[in-house]
Amino acid sequence: MPVVSITLLPGYSAQARERLVERAARSVRSVIAASNAGTTVFVQEAATYQRDGQRFSAGGPELPDAGALVRHFLERMQARDLQAAEQLLAPGFVMTFPGAPAMRHFSQLLEWAKTRYSRIGKQFERIDQCWGEDATVVYCSGTLEGVWLDGSTFSGIRFIDRFEVAGGLIVRQDVWNDLGEVMRPH
């Protein structure tokens, strides 16, 4: 039965501590065959510490939950609040969609999409996160619904989006979907 102790400097929010405890427990159980009930993770605070001749008494910045950030981005995109969505992107952001060249600006995406449909939305089934060394990878999956250029509707089209989030911003989006398989000729 693993017991994990995390020591933090003061100043982190309750939400950050909860995310840290949950993710540490999951990480341990991905390596050790332990049950959820048998895994203990706790957080304690150190008032101050010294490293390399420097004293520290407050924690560093918190990063947003990458899955929540991605969902917020996609919701802003769907609402066509492009200014709010763009604020969640890192400089050098790149997005790729099936049948399209890599894009770095929303204007490119909007021009490309004009030839495919008049409206599109996503119904989320899952949002999964994979924590890496320099970025968090977020996978969103579910179905697409919308309106074709001729005014007819579509729904139930599978999609998977893969995002890379670093430093609290989205740096990459790769999209896979079956839209091209079911597109009606126009």
C-alpha atoms as a PDB file:
ATOM      1  CA  MET A   1       0.000   0.000   0.000  1.00  0.00           C
ATOM      2  CA  PRO A   2       1.747   3.172  -1.185  1.00  0.00           C
ATOM      3  CA  VAL A   3       1.872   6.302   0.957  1.00  0.00           C
ATOM      4  CA  VAL A   4       3.000   9.450  -0.830  1.00  0.00           C
ATOM      5  CA  SER A   5       3.942  12.680   0.933  1.00  0.00           C
ATOM      6  CA  ILE A   6       4.104  15.936  -1.008  1.00  0.00           C
ATOM      7  CA  THR A   7       5.674  19.003   0.578  1.00  0.00           C
ATOM      8  CA  LEU A   8       4.715  22.400  -0.792  1.00  0.00           C
ATOM      9  CA  LEU A   9       5.555  25.948   0.101  1.00  0.00           C
ATOM     10  CA  PRO A  10       2.547  28.034   1.208  1.00  0.00           C
ATOM     11  CA  GLY A  11       0.297  29.792  -1.259  1.00  0.00           C
ATOM     12  CA  TYR A  12      -1.210  27.099  -3.459  1.00  0.00           C
ATOM     13  CA  SER A  13      -4.976  26.998  -3.887  1.00  0.00           C
ATOM     14  CA  ALA A  14      -7.153  24.173  -2.591  1.00  0.00           C
ATOM     15  CA  GLN A  15      -7.918  23.243  -6.215  1.00  0.00           C
ATOM     16  CA  ALA A  16      -4.218  22.930  -7.049  1.00  0.00           C
ATOM     17  CA  ARG A  17      -3.646  20.712  -4.005  1.00  0.00           C
ATOM     18  CA  GLU A  18      -6.627  18.517  -4.924  1.00  0.00           C
ATOM     19  CA  ARG A  19      -5.400  18.116  -8.515  1.00  0.00           C
ATOM     20  CA  LEU A  20      -1.909  17.313  -7.259  1.00  0.00           C
ATOM     21  CA  VAL A  21      -3.132  14.658  -4.811  1.00  0.00           C
ATOM     22  CA  GLU A  22      -5.441  13.046  -7.381  1.00  0.00           C
ATOM     23  CA  ARG A  23      -2.774  12.941 -10.087  1.00  0.00           C
ATOM     24  CA  ALA A  24      -0.057  11.661  -7.772  1.00  0.00           C
ATOM     25  CA  ALA A  25      -2.343   8.813  -6.695  1.00  0.00           C
ATOM     26  CA  ARG A  26      -3.123   7.919 -10.316  1.00  0.00           C
ATOM     27  CA  SER A  27       0.546   8.067 -11.228  1.00  0.00           C
ATOM     28  CA  VAL A  28       1.490   5.716  -8.400  1.00  0.00           C
ATOM     29  CA  ARG A  29      -1.252   3.252  -9.397  1.00  0.00           C
ATOM     30  CA  SER A  30       0.003   3.283 -12.989  1.00  0.00           C
ATOM     31  CA  VAL A  31       3.281   1.794 -11.706  1.00  0.00           C
ATOM     32  CA  ILE A  32       2.274  -0.167  -8.582  1.00  0.00           C
ATOM     33  CA  ALA A  33      -0.618  -2.643  -8.529  1.00  0.00           C
ATOM     34  CA  ALA A  34      -2.415  -0.920  -5.659  1.00  0.00           C
ATOM     35  CA  SER A  35      -6.090  -0.222  -5.185  1.00  0.00           C
ATOM     36  CA  ASN A  36      -7.524   3.270  -4.974  1.00  0.00           C
ATOM     37  CA  ALA A  37      -8.596   2.520  -1.399  1.00  0.00           C
ATOM     38  CA  GLY A  38      -5.053   1.431  -0.515  1.00  0.00           C
ATOM     39  CA  THR A  39      -3.278   4.485  -1.948  1.00  0.00           C
ATOM     40  CA  THR A  40      -2.677   7.408   0.402  1.00  0.00           C
ATOM     41  CA  VAL A  41      -1.419  10.792  -0.759  1.00  0.00           C
ATOM     42  CA  PHE A  42      -1.165  13.832   1.466  1.00  0.00           C
ATOM     43  CA  VAL A  43       0.151  17.373   1.234  1.00  0.00           C
ATOM     44  CA  GLN A  44       2.035  19.204   3.926  1.00  0.00           C
ATOM     45  CA  GLU A  45       3.528  22.685   3.952  1.00  0.00           C
ATOM     46  CA  ALA A  46       7.062  23.822   4.644  1.00  0.00           C
ATOM     47  CA  ALA A  47       7.217  27.422   5.854  1.00  0.00           C
ATOM     48  CA  THR A  48      10.503  28.033   4.061  1.00  0.00           C
ATOM     49  CA  TYR A  49      13.471  26.234   2.573  1.00  0.00           C
ATOM     50  CA  GLN A  50      16.879  26.995   1.126  1.00  0.00           C
ATOM     51  CA  ARG A  51      18.375  25.689  -2.101  1.00  0.00           C
ATOM     52  CA  ASP A  52      21.564  26.786  -3.794  1.00  0.00           C
ATOM     53  CA  GLY A  53      22.038  29.570  -1.269  1.00  0.00           C
ATOM     54  CA  GLN A  54      18.593  31.084  -1.864  1.00  0.00           C
ATOM     55  CA  ARG A  55      15.666  31.041   0.568  1.00  0.00           C
ATOM     56  CA  PHE A  56      12.117  30.410  -0.602  1.00  0.00           C
ATOM     57  CA  SER A  57       8.934  30.888   1.399  1.00  0.00           C
ATOM     58  CA  ALA A  58       6.162  30.922  -1.221  1.00  0.00           C
ATOM     59  CA  GLY A  59       5.201  28.531  -3.970  1.00  0.00           C
ATOM     60  CA  GLY A  60       5.464  29.279  -7.650  1.00  0.00           C
ATOM     61  CA  PRO A  61       2.663  29.902 -10.147  1.00  0.00           C
ATOM     62  CA  GLU A  62      -0.120  27.370 -10.676  1.00  0.00           C
ATOM     63  CA  LEU A  63      -0.943  26.046 -14.114  1.00  0.00           C
ATOM     64  CA  PRO A  64      -4.560  25.717 -15.202  1.00  0.00           C
ATOM     65  CA  ASP A  65      -6.079  22.275 -15.594  1.00  0.00           C
ATOM     66  CA  ALA A  66      -5.180  21.446 -19.218  1.00  0.00           C
ATOM     67  CA  GLY A  67      -8.406  19.518 -19.874  1.00  0.00           C
ATOM     68  CA  ALA A  68     -10.543  22.400 -18.615  1.00  0.00           C
ATOM     69  CA  LEU A  69      -8.474  24.864 -20.669  1.00  0.00           C
ATOM     70  CA  VAL A  70      -9.000  22.815 -23.844  1.00  0.00           C
ATOM     71  CA  ARG A  71     -12.729  22.448 -23.214  1.00  0.00           C
ATOM     72  CA  HIS A  72     -13.018  26.211 -22.641  1.00  0.00           C
ATOM     73  CA  PHE A  73     -11.131  26.822 -25.903  1.00  0.00           C
ATOM     74  CA  LEU A  74     -13.437  24.518 -27.869  1.00  0.00           C
ATOM     75  CA  GLU A  75     -16.527  26.073 -26.296  1.00  0.00           C
ATOM     76  CA  ARG A  76     -15.280  29.561 -27.242  1.00  0.00           C
ATOM     77  CA  MET A  77     -14.608  28.331 -30.796  1.00  0.00           C
ATOM     78  CA  GLN A  78     -18.087  26.830 -31.066  1.00  0.00           C
ATOM     79  CA  ALA A  79     -19.635  30.084 -29.807  1.00  0.00           C
ATOM     80  CA  ARG A  80     -17.477  31.915 -32.389  1.00  0.00           C
ATOM     81  CA  ASP A  81     -15.898  33.981 -29.623  1.00  0.00           C
ATOM     82  CA  LEU A  82     -12.625  33.844 -31.529  1.00  0.00           C
ATOM     83  CA  GLN A  83     -10.967  36.632 -29.567  1.00  0.00           C
ATOM     84  CA  ALA A  84     -11.428  34.744 -26.271  1.00  0.00           C
ATOM     85  CA  ALA A  85     -10.309  31.486 -27.901  1.00  0.00           C
ATOM     86  CA  GLU A  86      -7.198  33.101 -29.348  1.00  0.00           C
ATOM     87  CA  GLN A  87      -6.114  34.301 -25.905  1.00  0.00           C
ATOM     88  CA  LEU A  88      -5.689  30.625 -24.912  1.00  0.00           C
ATOM     89  CA  LEU A  89      -3.112  29.996 -27.658  1.00  0.00           C
ATOM     90  CA  ALA A  90       0.660  30.173 -27.358  1.00  0.00           C
ATOM     91  CA  PRO A  91       2.760  32.089 -29.885  1.00  0.00           C
ATOM     92  CA  GLY A  92       3.559  29.711 -32.731  1.00  0.00           C
ATOM     93  CA  PHE A  93       0.349  27.696 -32.226  1.00  0.00           C
ATOM     94  CA  VAL A  94      -0.396  25.273 -35.067  1.00  0.00           C
ATOM     95  CA  MET A  95      -3.556  23.328 -35.913  1.00  0.00           C
ATOM     96  CA  THR A  96      -4.069  20.536 -38.417  1.00  0.00           C
ATOM     97  CA  PHE A  97      -7.368  19.252 -39.783  1.00  0.00           C
ATOM     98  CA  PRO A  98      -8.094  16.368 -42.175  1.00  0.00           C
ATOM     99  CA  GLY A  99      -7.498  17.413 -45.766  1.00  0.00           C
ATOM    100  CA  ALA A 100      -6.040  20.808 -44.875  1.00  0.00           C
ATOM    101  CA  PRO A 101      -2.536  22.253 -44.606  1.00  0.00           C
ATOM    102  CA  ALA A 102      -1.241  23.227 -41.174  1.00  0.00           C
ATOM    103  CA  MET A 103      -2.833  26.482 -40.016  1.00  0.00           C
ATOM    104  CA  ARG A 104      -1.594  29.124 -37.592  1.00  0.00           C
ATOM    105  CA  HIS A 105      -4.461  31.625 -37.658  1.00  0.00           C
ATOM    106  CA  PHE A 106      -8.211  31.364 -37.186  1.00  0.00           C
ATOM    107  CA  SER A 107      -8.734  33.209 -40.456  1.00  0.00           C
ATOM    108  CA  GLN A 108      -7.126  30.244 -42.278  1.00  0.00           C
ATOM    109  CA  LEU A 109      -9.415  27.785 -40.499  1.00  0.00           C
ATOM    110  CA  LEU A 110     -12.529  29.861 -41.202  1.00  0.00           C
ATOM    111  CA  GLU A 111     -11.667  30.193 -44.908  1.00  0.00           C
ATOM    112  CA  TRP A 112     -11.055  26.450 -45.199  1.00  0.00           C
ATOM    113  CA  ALA A 113     -14.231  25.531 -43.286  1.00  0.00           C
ATOM    114  CA  LYS A 114     -16.427  27.770 -45.516  1.00  0.00           C
ATOM    115  CA  THR A 115     -16.146  25.153 -48.263  1.00  0.00           C
ATOM    116  CA  ARG A 116     -17.264  22.289 -45.996  1.00  0.00           C
ATOM    117  CA  TYR A 117     -20.119  23.340 -43.672  1.00  0.00           C
ATOM    118  CA  SER A 118     -21.976  26.389 -42.386  1.00  0.00           C
ATOM    119  CA  ARG A 119     -21.966  25.404 -38.700  1.00  0.00           C
ATOM    120  CA  ILE A 120     -20.323  22.713 -36.589  1.00  0.00           C
ATOM    121  CA  GLY A 121     -20.371  21.768 -32.920  1.00  0.00           C
ATOM    122  CA  LYS A 122     -18.959  19.064 -30.701  1.00  0.00           C
ATOM    123  CA  GLN A 123     -20.592  16.748 -28.204  1.00  0.00           C
ATOM    124  CA  PHE A 124     -17.868  15.611 -25.790  1.00  0.00           C
ATOM    125  CA  GLU A 125     -17.776  12.008 -24.611  1.00  0.00           C
ATOM    126  CA  ARG A 126     -14.320  12.038 -23.017  1.00  0.00           C
ATOM    127  CA  ILE A 127     -11.463  14.348 -22.177  1.00  0.00           C
ATOM    128  CA  ASP A 128      -8.247  12.545 -21.206  1.00  0.00           C
ATOM    129  CA  GLN A 129      -4.911  14.002 -20.146  1.00  0.00           C
ATOM    130  CA  CYS A 130      -1.378  12.614 -20.432  1.00  0.00           C
ATOM    131  CA  TRP A 131       1.277  14.485 -18.499  1.00  0.00           C
ATOM    132  CA  GLY A 132       4.641  14.703 -20.210  1.00  0.00           C
ATOM    133  CA  GLU A 133       7.961  16.314 -19.472  1.00  0.00           C
ATOM    134  CA  ASP A 134       7.300  19.656 -21.171  1.00  0.00           C
ATOM    135  CA  ALA A 135       3.604  19.571 -22.074  1.00  0.00           C
ATOM    136  CA  THR A 136       0.293  18.007 -21.194  1.00  0.00           C
ATOM    137  CA  VAL A 137      -1.407  16.161 -24.027  1.00  0.00           C
ATOM    138  CA  VAL A 138      -5.202  16.389 -23.952  1.00  0.00           C
ATOM    139  CA  TYR A 139      -7.416  14.107 -26.026  1.00  0.00           C
ATOM    140  CA  CYS A 140     -11.052  15.064 -26.599  1.00  0.00           C
ATOM    141  CA  SER A 141     -13.393  12.641 -28.288  1.00  0.00           C
ATOM    142  CA  GLY A 142     -17.047  12.562 -29.125  1.00  0.00           C
ATOM    143  CA  THR A 143     -19.290  13.411 -32.034  1.00  0.00           C
ATOM    144  CA  LEU A 144     -19.801  16.311 -34.408  1.00  0.00           C
ATOM    145  CA  GLU A 145     -23.101  17.899 -35.313  1.00  0.00           C
ATOM    146  CA  GLY A 146     -23.864  20.784 -37.599  1.00  0.00           C
ATOM    147  CA  VAL A 147     -25.265  22.108 -40.824  1.00  0.00           C
ATOM    148  CA  TRP A 148     -23.983  21.377 -44.323  1.00  0.00           C
ATOM    149  CA  LEU A 149     -23.694  24.151 -46.884  1.00  0.00           C
ATOM    150  CA  ASP A 150     -27.065  23.133 -48.418  1.00  0.00           C
ATOM    151  CA  GLY A 151     -28.842  23.638 -45.068  1.00  0.00           C
ATOM    152  CA  SER A 152     -29.256  19.943 -44.220  1.00  0.00           C
ATOM    153  CA  THR A 153     -28.058  18.783 -40.814  1.00  0.00           C
ATOM    154  CA  PHE A 154     -25.601  16.143 -39.706  1.00  0.00           C
ATOM    155  CA  SER A 155     -24.830  14.538 -36.344  1.00  0.00           C
ATOM    156  CA  GLY A 156     -23.104  11.543 -34.797  1.00  0.00           C
ATOM    157  CA  ILE A 157     -19.837  11.967 -36.739  1.00  0.00           C
ATOM    158  CA  ARG A 158     -16.892  10.735 -34.698  1.00  0.00           C
ATOM    159  CA  PHE A 159     -13.968  13.021 -33.814  1.00  0.00           C
ATOM    160  CA  ILE A 160     -10.778  12.977 -31.791  1.00  0.00           C
ATOM    161  CA  ASP A 161      -8.811  16.142 -31.070  1.00  0.00           C
ATOM    162  CA  ARG A 162      -5.280  15.998 -29.673  1.00  0.00           C
ATOM    163  CA  PHE A 163      -3.948  19.127 -27.983  1.00  0.00           C
ATOM    164  CA  GLU A 164      -0.575  19.999 -26.506  1.00  0.00           C
ATOM    165  CA  VAL A 165      -0.711  22.445 -23.595  1.00  0.00           C
ATOM    166  CA  ALA A 166       2.460  24.037 -22.184  1.00  0.00           C
ATOM    167  CA  GLY A 167       2.867  26.927 -19.785  1.00  0.00           C
ATOM    168  CA  GLY A 168      -0.911  27.239 -19.458  1.00  0.00           C
ATOM    169  CA  LEU A 169      -1.468  27.805 -23.210  1.00  0.00           C
ATOM    170  CA  ILE A 170      -2.374  25.585 -26.161  1.00  0.00           C
ATOM    171  CA  VAL A 171       0.574  25.075 -28.506  1.00  0.00           C
ATOM    172  CA  ARG A 172      -0.883  22.496 -30.932  1.00  0.00           C
ATOM    173  CA  GLN A 173      -4.179  20.990 -32.060  1.00  0.00           C
ATOM    174  CA  ASP A 174      -4.482  17.945 -34.308  1.00  0.00           C
ATOM    175  CA  VAL A 175      -7.966  16.895 -35.431  1.00  0.00           C
ATOM    176  CA  TRP A 176      -9.182  13.542 -36.735  1.00  0.00           C
ATOM    177  CA  ASN A 177     -12.783  12.968 -37.731  1.00  0.00           C
ATOM    178  CA  ASP A 178     -15.043  11.084 -40.135  1.00  0.00           C
ATOM    179  CA  LEU A 179     -16.544  14.258 -41.623  1.00  0.00           C
ATOM    180  CA  GLY A 180     -14.937  13.624 -45.019  1.00  0.00           C
ATOM    181  CA  GLU A 181     -16.353  10.091 -45.059  1.00  0.00           C
ATOM    182  CA  VAL A 182     -19.940  11.329 -44.769  1.00  0.00           C
ATOM    183  CA  MET A 183     -19.786  14.695 -46.559  1.00  0.00           C
ATOM    184  CA  ARG A 184     -22.493  15.085 -49.144  1.00  0.00           C
ATOM    185  CA  PRO A 185     -21.450  16.324 -52.560  1.00  0.00           C
ATOM    186  CA  HIS A 186     -22.425  19.999 -52.995  1.00  0.00           C
END
